[in-house]
Amino acid sequence: MKTAGHSEATTRRGLELTPFRGLRYDPDRVGSLASVTSPPYDVVVRPDGLHHLQSADPHNIVRLILPQAGTPSARTEQAADTLRRWLAEGILVADPDPGLYVYEQRDGDGMLQRGIIGTLRVTEPAEGVVLPHEDVMPPVVADRAALMRATRANLEPLLLTYRGDGAMPPGTTPGTAAGAGMGTAAGPGAGTTSGVGDDTATGVGVGTATEVGAGTTAGAGVGTAAEVIERTASRPPLLATTTEDGFRHRLWSITDPVDLARVQTDLAGRQALIADGHHRWATYRRLRLEHPSPSPWDYGLVLLVDTVRYPLRVRAIHRLLHGLPVADALRAVDGLFRVRRLDAPLPEALAALADASCAGNAFLLAGDGAFHLLDRPDPELLARTVPADRPAAWRSLDATVLHATLLEHVWRIPEDSPAHIAYIHDTAATVEKAERDGGTAVLMHPVREEVVRDLARQGVTMPRKSTSFGPKPASGLVLRALEI
């Protein structure tokens, strides 16, 4: 008997990307395209970045992805009302024909990323088509689900990676990893930072062993998704804008049936890794199960990037512990970690953290005007607090030790309580908020991308908010309404 009704697939299916009629801002109805964009909802630094985005333009997308009202239900209804009003007023307009969208991001240092936006068939992890690498927080999934139900829209694409058959285009610069620094990426109000260090994140995706029908030639082969993307990007774009972080964004549509078929055929044998958007993907899965199939909820809005051609940057996500002064945090770890005070500027403190991370678990605490480097944890403490039923690579993660040992057993802070902990991408903003509010900033060093990929292949998820892949797609350039 079919219930919300999704029968088990009898044959292996890969990525199924479908065209849709994108919703886009009418440039004649807004101040500028840059002023209505936003970083993804979970990258916006709150409240400062939120207020900045709200004041940038009365139609900024942040009013949909992070509505502000007194109760959760009031927030989601406000977003739904705002979306209906903008559609009625012609602020947002649906493209006339269904298509896939080529999306390009470029910064002033030569970093170039191109990918393809479409609606992807929502699958379960057991199918091995879309692989998660992080755990999720149920309250966040519930919040995103309520917003999608109310708006009946996918308001921003999540970021997935796959490994195609081509090489990186000549003249482009791969993303640089290893760093929590002090710049910004992904637009005004963003909490993503530029890196300290010189590691390179190459191929943030899944391997080719499980891919079906993969070619072997270098470059963008004839008839591949990469070939269609590169050819499309040689034409004049639908839109082009530069956000205040210096990133230039361009968007094209693909509506030709032959090109659409080429992209779909190439992706059909491939597998993807969730680089950014685990909570939104979990939300897609929840909403898919709530609606009898077939329905628009069977698909969700994604950006797919071939990381053989366009490697991503890997950065850390930091923690802000509310109500825990640095002095109290340090007293609690006395005798459990080696603690060294660093009277140094942020870049030097981050360099010291990177050096310490080469030898084992290390964290940087801030919030009292100095930095405190924690490393060399007591092995008996780790043996007592870190679960032993996971692979060694998972047990040795900084995020594992932070959550299982420090948060749960030493500081006794619930990891999913917004009243006790915030997850912030911007390094300097994390420190500033800790100093202003009297809390403790816990700065992390980024995990190597090959560790992420290997754990994902094993079906092992990392602790929530362990990584930040980027550059992330700007929100507000193209949306999806389920009923259009």
Protein backbone atom coordinates (compact mmCIF):
# COMPACT_ATOMS: atom_id res chain seq x y z
CA MET A 1 0.00 0.00 0.00
CA LYS A 2 1.29 3.48 -0.87
CA THR A 3 1.36 5.97 1.96
CA ALA A 4 2.96 9.42 1.64
CA GLY A 5 4.03 7.11 -0.70
CA HIS A 6 7.51 6.51 -1.95
CA SER A 7 8.25 2.96 -3.03
CA GLU A 8 11.80 1.64 -2.87
CA ALA A 9 13.70 2.12 -6.09
CA THR A 10 14.32 -1.16 -7.87
CA THR A 11 17.27 0.12 -9.90
CA ARG A 12 20.05 2.47 -9.00
CA ARG A 13 19.26 6.08 -9.88
CA GLY A 14 21.74 8.93 -9.82
CA LEU A 15 21.24 12.69 -9.73
CA GLU A 16 17.96 13.69 -11.37
CA LEU A 17 18.05 17.44 -12.04
CA THR A 18 14.97 19.02 -13.60
CA PRO A 19 14.24 22.46 -15.08
CA PHE A 20 11.96 24.94 -13.32
CA ARG A 21 10.60 28.45 -13.88
CA GLY A 22 12.85 30.53 -11.69
CA LEU A 23 11.57 33.50 -9.73
CA ARG A 24 13.84 36.50 -10.12
CA TYR A 25 13.78 40.11 -9.04
CA ASP A 26 12.66 42.62 -11.67
CA PRO A 27 15.73 44.90 -11.76
CA ASP A 28 13.49 47.90 -12.56
CA ARG A 29 11.57 47.41 -9.29
CA VAL A 30 14.46 47.25 -6.84
CA GLY A 31 17.36 49.56 -6.01
CA SER A 32 19.95 47.13 -7.37
CA LEU A 33 20.32 43.38 -7.61
CA ALA A 34 23.23 43.49 -5.15
CA SER A 35 21.08 45.27 -2.56
CA VAL A 36 18.44 42.53 -2.53
CA THR A 37 20.82 39.58 -2.16
CA SER A 38 21.95 37.97 1.07
CA PRO A 39 24.25 35.20 2.25
CA PRO A 40 22.45 31.93 3.13
CA TYR A 41 20.22 32.27 6.18
CA ASP A 42 22.65 30.50 8.52
CA VAL A 43 25.62 32.65 7.51
CA VAL A 44 23.98 35.99 8.31
CA VAL A 45 25.51 37.39 11.49
CA ARG A 46 22.69 38.31 13.83
CA PRO A 47 21.64 40.90 14.75
CA ASP A 48 24.18 43.21 13.05
CA GLY A 49 24.29 41.58 9.63
CA LEU A 50 20.53 41.10 9.62
CA HIS A 51 19.91 44.79 10.28
CA HIS A 52 22.42 45.74 7.60
CA LEU A 53 20.63 43.61 5.01
CA GLN A 54 17.19 44.84 6.00
CA SER A 55 18.31 48.43 5.56
CA ALA A 56 20.00 47.76 2.21
CA ASP A 57 16.66 47.51 0.39
CA PRO A 58 13.04 47.03 1.54
CA HIS A 59 12.88 44.00 -0.74
CA ASN A 60 16.03 42.26 0.42
CA ILE A 61 15.64 38.47 0.36
CA VAL A 62 16.52 38.32 4.07
CA ARG A 63 12.90 39.36 4.76
CA LEU A 64 11.87 35.98 3.34
CA ILE A 65 14.64 33.70 4.60
CA LEU A 66 14.89 35.28 8.09
CA PRO A 67 11.52 36.94 8.80
CA GLN A 68 11.31 38.85 12.08
CA ALA A 69 8.20 38.62 14.27
CA GLY A 70 7.25 37.78 17.83
CA THR A 71 6.46 34.07 17.42
CA PRO A 72 7.57 31.28 15.05
CA SER A 73 4.14 31.08 13.44
CA ALA A 74 4.02 34.84 12.99
CA ARG A 75 7.44 34.76 11.33
CA THR A 76 6.51 32.12 8.78
CA GLU A 77 3.18 33.78 8.00
CA GLN A 78 4.94 37.10 7.57
CA ALA A 79 7.31 35.53 5.04
CA ALA A 80 4.41 33.95 3.14
CA ASP A 81 2.51 37.27 3.07
CA THR A 82 5.63 39.10 1.89
CA LEU A 83 6.24 36.61 -0.90
CA ARG A 84 2.62 36.80 -2.07
CA ARG A 85 2.79 40.60 -2.06
CA TRP A 86 6.04 40.76 -4.00
CA LEU A 87 4.63 38.38 -6.61
CA ALA A 88 1.45 40.40 -6.93
CA GLU A 89 3.38 43.65 -7.22
CA GLY A 90 5.81 42.28 -9.79
CA ILE A 91 8.84 42.61 -7.53
CA LEU A 92 9.53 38.93 -8.19
CA VAL A 93 8.68 37.59 -11.65
CA ALA A 94 8.71 34.02 -12.96
CA ASP A 95 10.77 33.31 -16.05
CA PRO A 96 8.56 32.36 -19.01
CA ASP A 97 10.10 28.95 -19.71
CA PRO A 98 11.41 26.19 -17.45
CA GLY A 99 15.17 25.92 -17.45
CA LEU A 100 18.32 25.10 -15.58
CA TYR A 101 20.53 28.02 -14.57
CA VAL A 102 24.29 28.37 -14.90
CA TYR A 103 25.61 30.37 -11.95
CA GLU A 104 29.06 31.96 -11.77
CA GLN A 105 30.91 33.54 -8.87
CA ARG A 106 34.23 35.33 -9.29
CA ASP A 107 36.33 37.33 -6.85
CA GLY A 108 39.14 39.82 -7.37
CA ASP A 109 41.86 37.24 -6.73
CA GLY A 110 41.04 35.08 -9.72
CA MET A 111 38.82 32.58 -7.90
CA LEU A 112 36.14 31.33 -10.30
CA GLN A 113 33.28 28.96 -9.55
CA ARG A 114 30.57 27.83 -11.93
CA GLY A 115 27.74 25.42 -11.31
CA ILE A 116 24.23 24.61 -12.36
CA ILE A 117 21.02 25.37 -10.46
CA GLY A 118 17.95 23.18 -10.81
CA THR A 119 15.48 21.12 -8.84
CA LEU A 120 16.94 17.81 -7.72
CA ARG A 121 15.03 14.64 -6.89
CA VAL A 122 15.06 14.29 -3.11
CA THR A 123 16.57 11.01 -1.95
CA GLU A 124 17.31 9.24 1.30
CA PRO A 125 20.92 8.68 2.44
CA ALA A 126 20.53 4.92 2.03
CA GLU A 127 20.13 5.42 -1.73
CA GLY A 128 23.71 6.69 -1.88
CA VAL A 129 22.89 9.49 -4.32
CA VAL A 130 23.21 12.57 -2.11
CA LEU A 131 25.60 12.05 0.79
CA PRO A 132 25.43 14.14 3.96
CA HIS A 133 28.56 14.65 6.03
CA GLU A 134 27.17 16.46 9.09
CA ASP A 135 24.47 15.87 11.67
CA VAL A 136 21.59 18.32 11.85
CA MET A 137 19.74 20.08 14.66
CA PRO A 138 16.05 19.06 14.72
CA PRO A 139 14.82 22.52 15.83
CA VAL A 140 16.48 24.11 12.79
CA VAL A 141 14.94 21.55 10.44
CA ALA A 142 11.53 22.20 12.03
CA ASP A 143 12.00 25.95 11.55
CA ARG A 144 12.99 25.62 7.88
CA ALA A 145 10.14 23.17 7.24
CA ALA A 146 7.60 25.59 8.70
CA LEU A 147 8.95 28.36 6.48
CA MET A 148 8.81 26.21 3.33
CA ARG A 149 5.30 25.00 4.13
CA ALA A 150 4.05 28.55 4.64
CA THR A 151 5.72 30.03 1.55
CA ARG A 152 5.41 26.90 -0.61
CA ALA A 153 8.78 27.87 -2.01
CA ASN A 154 12.45 26.99 -2.01
CA LEU A 155 13.88 30.41 -1.23
CA GLU A 156 17.60 29.66 -1.64
CA PRO A 157 19.60 26.82 -3.22
CA LEU A 158 21.77 24.57 -1.13
CA LEU A 159 25.27 23.72 -2.35
CA LEU A 160 26.11 20.20 -3.57
CA THR A 161 29.32 18.97 -5.15
CA TYR A 162 30.02 16.18 -7.58
CA ARG A 163 33.10 15.02 -9.46
CA GLY A 164 32.92 15.27 -13.20
CA ASP A 165 35.47 14.18 -15.77
CA GLY A 166 37.13 17.44 -16.71
CA ALA A 167 40.09 19.51 -15.57
CA MET A 168 40.04 22.95 -13.99
CA PRO A 169 39.65 25.64 -16.67
CA PRO A 170 42.92 27.43 -17.55
CA GLY A 171 43.53 30.77 -15.88
CA THR A 172 41.40 30.10 -12.81
CA THR A 173 42.45 29.88 -9.19
CA PRO A 174 41.28 27.09 -6.88
CA GLY A 175 39.83 27.98 -3.51
CA THR A 176 42.27 28.23 -0.64
CA ALA A 177 41.45 26.36 2.53
CA ALA A 178 42.84 26.15 6.04
CA GLY A 179 41.55 29.24 7.40
CA ALA A 180 39.49 31.26 9.58
CA GLY A 181 40.38 34.79 8.80
CA MET A 182 38.82 38.19 8.79
CA GLY A 183 37.46 38.91 5.34
CA THR A 184 33.94 38.21 4.14
CA ALA A 185 32.42 36.23 1.33
CA ALA A 186 28.92 35.63 0.01
CA GLY A 187 27.62 39.13 0.33
CA PRO A 188 26.65 41.81 2.83
CA GLY A 189 26.09 40.55 6.34
CA ALA A 190 27.98 37.34 5.65
CA GLY A 191 29.83 35.40 8.27
CA THR A 192 32.15 33.51 5.93
CA THR A 193 35.79 34.49 6.18
CA SER A 194 38.89 34.49 4.08
CA GLY A 195 41.57 32.05 5.00
CA VAL A 196 44.81 31.95 6.89
CA GLY A 197 47.08 29.22 5.58
CA ASP A 198 47.91 27.70 2.23
CA ASP A 199 46.16 24.36 1.94
CA THR A 200 44.14 23.87 -1.22
CA ALA A 201 40.72 22.26 -1.23
CA THR A 202 40.63 20.17 -4.36
CA GLY A 203 37.75 17.95 -5.35
CA VAL A 204 35.32 18.50 -2.52
CA GLY A 205 32.92 15.86 -3.67
CA VAL A 206 32.60 12.13 -3.85
CA GLY A 207 34.88 9.81 -5.75
CA THR A 208 34.24 8.17 -9.06
CA ALA A 209 34.20 4.54 -7.95
CA THR A 210 30.43 4.53 -7.58
CA GLU A 211 29.66 6.66 -10.60
CA VAL A 212 28.00 5.10 -13.60
CA GLY A 213 29.04 5.94 -17.12
CA ALA A 214 31.79 8.38 -16.18
CA GLY A 215 34.10 9.35 -19.01
CA THR A 216 37.88 9.47 -18.88
CA THR A 217 38.87 12.44 -21.01
CA ALA A 218 40.34 15.63 -19.59
CA GLY A 219 38.51 18.88 -20.09
CA ALA A 220 34.84 19.41 -20.74
CA GLY A 221 33.82 16.60 -23.05
CA VAL A 222 31.29 17.03 -25.80
CA GLY A 223 27.80 16.52 -24.46
CA THR A 224 28.75 16.71 -20.78
CA ALA A 225 27.26 19.03 -18.21
CA ALA A 226 30.63 20.81 -18.04
CA GLU A 227 30.60 21.47 -21.79
CA VAL A 228 27.08 22.91 -21.63
CA ILE A 229 27.98 25.08 -18.63
CA GLU A 230 31.12 26.51 -20.27
CA ARG A 231 29.40 27.16 -23.59
CA THR A 232 26.45 28.82 -21.86
CA ALA A 233 28.80 31.05 -19.84
CA SER A 234 30.27 32.45 -23.05
CA ARG A 235 26.95 34.15 -23.84
CA PRO A 236 25.55 37.39 -22.38
CA PRO A 237 24.03 36.61 -18.95
CA LEU A 238 20.49 37.10 -17.68
CA LEU A 239 21.91 39.14 -14.83
CA ALA A 240 25.23 40.34 -13.47
CA THR A 241 25.88 42.05 -10.17
CA THR A 242 28.75 42.64 -7.77
CA THR A 243 28.07 42.38 -4.03
CA GLU A 244 29.88 44.49 -1.47
CA ASP A 245 32.28 41.66 -0.61
CA GLY A 246 33.76 42.05 -4.11
CA PHE A 247 32.22 38.88 -5.56
CA ARG A 248 30.79 39.21 -9.06
CA HIS A 249 27.73 37.04 -9.74
CA ARG A 250 26.36 36.11 -13.17
CA LEU A 251 23.39 33.92 -14.13
CA TRP A 252 22.31 32.31 -17.41
CA SER A 253 19.37 30.06 -18.27
CA ILE A 254 19.47 26.81 -20.26
CA THR A 255 16.20 26.09 -22.02
CA ASP A 256 17.30 24.28 -25.17
CA PRO A 257 15.94 20.70 -24.96
CA VAL A 258 19.15 19.19 -26.36
CA ASP A 259 21.34 20.95 -23.80
CA LEU A 260 18.96 20.08 -20.98
CA ALA A 261 19.09 16.42 -22.01
CA ARG A 262 22.91 16.49 -22.13
CA VAL A 263 23.12 17.85 -18.60
CA GLN A 264 20.56 15.40 -17.25
CA THR A 265 22.19 12.42 -18.93
CA ASP A 266 25.64 13.33 -17.62
CA LEU A 267 24.40 13.80 -14.05
CA ALA A 268 22.23 10.68 -14.04
CA GLY A 269 25.15 8.43 -13.21
CA ARG A 270 26.70 10.65 -10.59
CA GLN A 271 26.65 11.06 -6.84
CA ALA A 272 26.81 14.29 -4.81
CA LEU A 273 28.09 15.44 -1.45
CA ILE A 274 26.24 18.09 0.54
CA ALA A 275 28.76 20.91 0.89
CA ASP A 276 26.39 23.44 2.47
CA GLY A 277 22.74 23.08 3.38
CA HIS A 278 22.34 19.93 5.48
CA HIS A 279 19.35 21.38 7.33
CA ARG A 280 17.62 22.41 4.13
CA TRP A 281 18.21 18.97 2.58
CA ALA A 282 16.80 17.35 5.72
CA THR A 283 13.86 19.73 5.37
CA TYR A 284 13.34 18.65 1.74
CA ARG A 285 13.30 15.03 2.90
CA ARG A 286 10.76 15.74 5.64
CA LEU A 287 8.43 17.66 3.34
CA ARG A 288 8.71 15.04 0.62
CA LEU A 289 7.43 12.42 3.05
CA GLU A 290 4.53 14.66 4.07
CA HIS A 291 3.13 14.89 0.53
CA PRO A 292 1.89 12.00 -1.62
CA SER A 293 4.09 11.43 -4.64
CA PRO A 294 4.27 12.60 -7.36
CA SER A 295 4.30 16.22 -6.18
CA PRO A 296 6.51 19.31 -6.43
CA TRP A 297 7.88 18.36 -2.99
CA ASP A 298 9.70 15.42 -4.59
CA TYR A 299 12.32 17.94 -5.73
CA GLY A 300 14.36 20.66 -4.04
CA LEU A 301 16.37 23.64 -5.24
CA VAL A 302 20.15 23.03 -5.42
CA LEU A 303 23.36 24.36 -6.92
CA LEU A 304 25.59 21.56 -8.23
CA VAL A 305 29.31 22.30 -8.63
CA ASP A 306 31.81 19.99 -10.34
CA THR A 307 34.76 20.22 -7.97
CA VAL A 308 37.20 18.63 -10.40
CA ARG A 309 36.86 21.84 -12.41
CA TYR A 310 36.00 24.22 -9.57
CA PRO A 311 37.44 23.20 -6.18
CA LEU A 312 35.74 24.73 -3.15
CA ARG A 313 37.27 26.45 -0.13
CA VAL A 314 36.97 24.72 3.23
CA ARG A 315 36.71 26.79 6.40
CA ALA A 316 35.70 26.35 10.00
CA ILE A 317 32.52 27.37 11.79
CA HIS A 318 33.09 28.83 15.23
CA ARG A 319 31.07 28.61 18.45
CA LEU A 320 29.90 31.44 20.68
CA LEU A 321 29.01 30.22 24.16
CA HIS A 322 26.48 32.54 25.78
CA GLY A 323 26.66 33.05 29.52
CA LEU A 324 30.03 31.32 29.94
CA PRO A 325 32.75 33.86 30.78
CA VAL A 326 36.22 33.00 29.53
CA ALA A 327 37.54 32.79 33.09
CA ASP A 328 34.97 30.12 33.96
CA ALA A 329 35.70 28.19 30.76
CA LEU A 330 39.41 28.19 31.55
CA ARG A 331 38.90 27.08 35.15
CA ALA A 332 36.86 24.12 33.95
CA VAL A 333 39.60 22.87 31.61
CA ASP A 334 42.44 23.34 34.08
CA GLY A 335 44.41 20.09 34.18
CA LEU A 336 42.48 18.62 31.24
CA PHE A 337 44.13 20.57 28.41
CA ARG A 338 47.34 22.50 28.10
CA VAL A 339 46.37 26.20 28.17
CA ARG A 340 48.56 29.01 26.84
CA ARG A 341 47.64 32.70 26.88
CA LEU A 342 48.41 34.54 23.62
CA ASP A 343 48.64 38.32 23.77
CA ALA A 344 48.67 38.63 20.00
CA PRO A 345 46.44 39.94 17.21
CA LEU A 346 43.89 37.61 15.66
CA PRO A 347 45.96 36.55 12.61
CA GLU A 348 48.88 35.50 14.81
CA ALA A 349 46.57 33.65 17.20
CA LEU A 350 45.01 31.78 14.27
CA ALA A 351 48.46 30.87 12.98
CA ALA A 352 49.29 29.44 16.42
CA LEU A 353 46.03 27.46 16.31
CA ALA A 354 46.94 26.08 12.88
CA ASP A 355 50.36 24.99 14.14
CA ALA A 356 48.90 23.31 17.22
CA SER A 357 46.27 21.53 15.11
CA CYS A 358 49.00 19.74 13.19
CA ALA A 359 49.83 17.78 16.36
CA GLY A 360 46.30 17.04 17.60
CA ASN A 361 43.11 18.63 18.88
CA ALA A 362 43.38 22.36 19.49
CA PHE A 363 40.99 25.25 20.14
CA LEU A 364 41.32 28.99 20.58
CA LEU A 365 39.23 30.68 23.27
CA ALA A 366 38.54 34.41 23.19
CA GLY A 367 36.27 36.99 24.77
CA ASP A 368 38.33 38.60 27.51
CA GLY A 369 40.67 40.67 25.35
CA ALA A 370 43.24 37.91 24.87
CA PHE A 371 43.42 34.52 23.19
CA HIS A 372 43.88 31.23 25.00
CA LEU A 373 45.19 28.20 23.09
CA LEU A 374 43.92 24.83 24.30
CA ASP A 375 45.75 21.73 23.09
CA ARG A 376 47.16 18.39 24.25
CA PRO A 377 43.95 17.06 25.84
CA ASP A 378 44.27 14.43 28.55
CA PRO A 379 44.09 11.04 26.78
CA GLU A 380 42.11 9.54 29.67
CA LEU A 381 39.54 12.35 29.33
CA LEU A 382 39.13 11.58 25.62
CA ALA A 383 38.84 7.85 26.24
CA ARG A 384 36.13 8.50 28.81
CA THR A 385 34.07 11.02 26.81
CA VAL A 386 34.48 10.33 23.07
CA PRO A 387 32.27 7.48 21.76
CA ALA A 388 34.34 4.46 20.80
CA ASP A 389 31.95 3.04 18.19
CA ARG A 390 33.00 5.36 15.36
CA PRO A 391 35.99 5.37 13.01
CA ALA A 392 39.27 6.77 14.32
CA ALA A 393 39.05 9.69 11.87
CA TRP A 394 35.72 10.74 13.42
CA ARG A 395 36.95 10.30 17.02
CA SER A 396 39.93 12.55 16.36
CA LEU A 397 37.98 15.43 14.82
CA ASP A 398 38.22 18.75 16.66
CA ALA A 399 34.44 19.06 16.36
CA THR A 400 33.99 15.63 17.97
CA VAL A 401 36.21 16.52 20.92
CA LEU A 402 34.54 19.92 21.26
CA HIS A 403 31.01 18.50 21.34
CA ALA A 404 31.54 15.18 23.11
CA THR A 405 34.16 16.29 25.60
CA LEU A 406 34.10 20.03 26.18
CA LEU A 407 30.47 20.94 25.58
CA GLU A 408 28.83 17.83 27.02
CA HIS A 409 31.12 16.85 29.87
CA VAL A 410 33.30 19.81 30.82
CA TRP A 411 31.20 22.93 30.20
CA ARG A 412 27.81 21.14 30.15
CA ILE A 413 26.37 23.25 27.34
CA PRO A 414 23.59 21.79 25.14
CA GLU A 415 24.72 21.89 21.53
CA ASP A 416 21.28 22.58 20.07
CA SER A 417 20.10 25.35 22.42
CA PRO A 418 20.23 28.84 20.83
CA ALA A 419 20.08 30.29 24.32
CA HIS A 420 23.42 28.68 25.12
CA ILE A 421 25.35 28.44 21.85
CA ALA A 422 25.57 30.15 18.47
CA TYR A 423 27.35 28.90 15.34
CA ILE A 424 29.10 31.74 13.50
CA HIS A 425 31.13 31.67 10.30
CA ASP A 426 32.89 35.02 10.71
CA THR A 427 35.94 34.76 12.94
CA ALA A 428 36.28 38.40 13.92
CA ALA A 429 32.53 38.72 14.53
CA THR A 430 32.62 35.71 16.86
CA VAL A 431 35.37 37.31 18.95
CA GLU A 432 33.68 40.72 18.97
CA LYS A 433 30.35 39.29 20.11
CA ALA A 434 32.03 37.29 22.89
CA GLU A 435 33.85 40.39 24.14
CA ARG A 436 30.70 42.50 23.96
CA ASP A 437 28.37 39.97 25.59
CA GLY A 438 30.71 38.44 28.16
CA GLY A 439 30.66 34.97 26.60
CA THR A 440 33.34 32.67 25.24
CA ALA A 441 34.30 32.36 21.59
CA VAL A 442 35.63 28.94 20.60
CA LEU A 443 37.58 29.30 17.36
CA MET A 444 38.14 26.18 15.27
CA HIS A 445 40.66 25.12 12.65
CA PRO A 446 39.10 23.72 9.43
CA VAL A 447 39.05 19.99 8.83
CA ARG A 448 40.76 18.64 5.72
CA GLU A 449 38.31 18.01 2.90
CA GLU A 450 39.57 14.48 2.26
CA VAL A 451 38.50 13.56 5.80
CA VAL A 452 35.01 14.90 5.06
CA ARG A 453 34.79 12.92 1.83
CA ASP A 454 36.09 9.68 3.32
CA LEU A 455 33.68 9.78 6.25
CA ALA A 456 30.75 10.57 3.94
CA ARG A 457 31.60 7.54 1.81
CA GLN A 458 31.45 5.41 4.94
CA GLY A 459 28.05 6.83 5.84
CA VAL A 460 29.49 8.52 8.94
CA THR A 461 28.26 12.03 9.68
CA MET A 462 30.40 14.59 11.44
CA PRO A 463 29.17 16.71 14.36
CA ARG A 464 26.86 19.51 13.28
CA LYS A 465 28.42 22.66 11.86
CA SER A 466 31.84 21.04 11.43
CA THR A 467 32.70 22.65 8.09
CA SER A 468 31.98 25.63 5.91
CA PHE A 469 32.44 25.08 2.19
CA GLY A 470 32.41 27.99 -0.17
CA PRO A 471 31.96 30.23 -1.87
CA LYS A 472 28.30 29.80 -1.06
CA PRO A 473 25.61 30.85 -3.53
CA ALA A 474 24.11 34.25 -2.87
CA SER A 475 20.45 34.08 -1.88
CA GLY A 476 18.02 36.16 -3.91
CA LEU A 477 19.29 35.63 -7.45
CA VAL A 478 16.84 32.84 -8.33
CA LEU A 479 14.05 31.29 -6.24
CA ARG A 480 11.58 28.46 -6.82
CA ALA A 481 7.86 28.66 -6.17
CA LEU A 482 6.41 25.14 -6.01
CA GLU A 483 3.15 26.09 -7.71
CA ILE A 484 4.64 27.94 -10.70
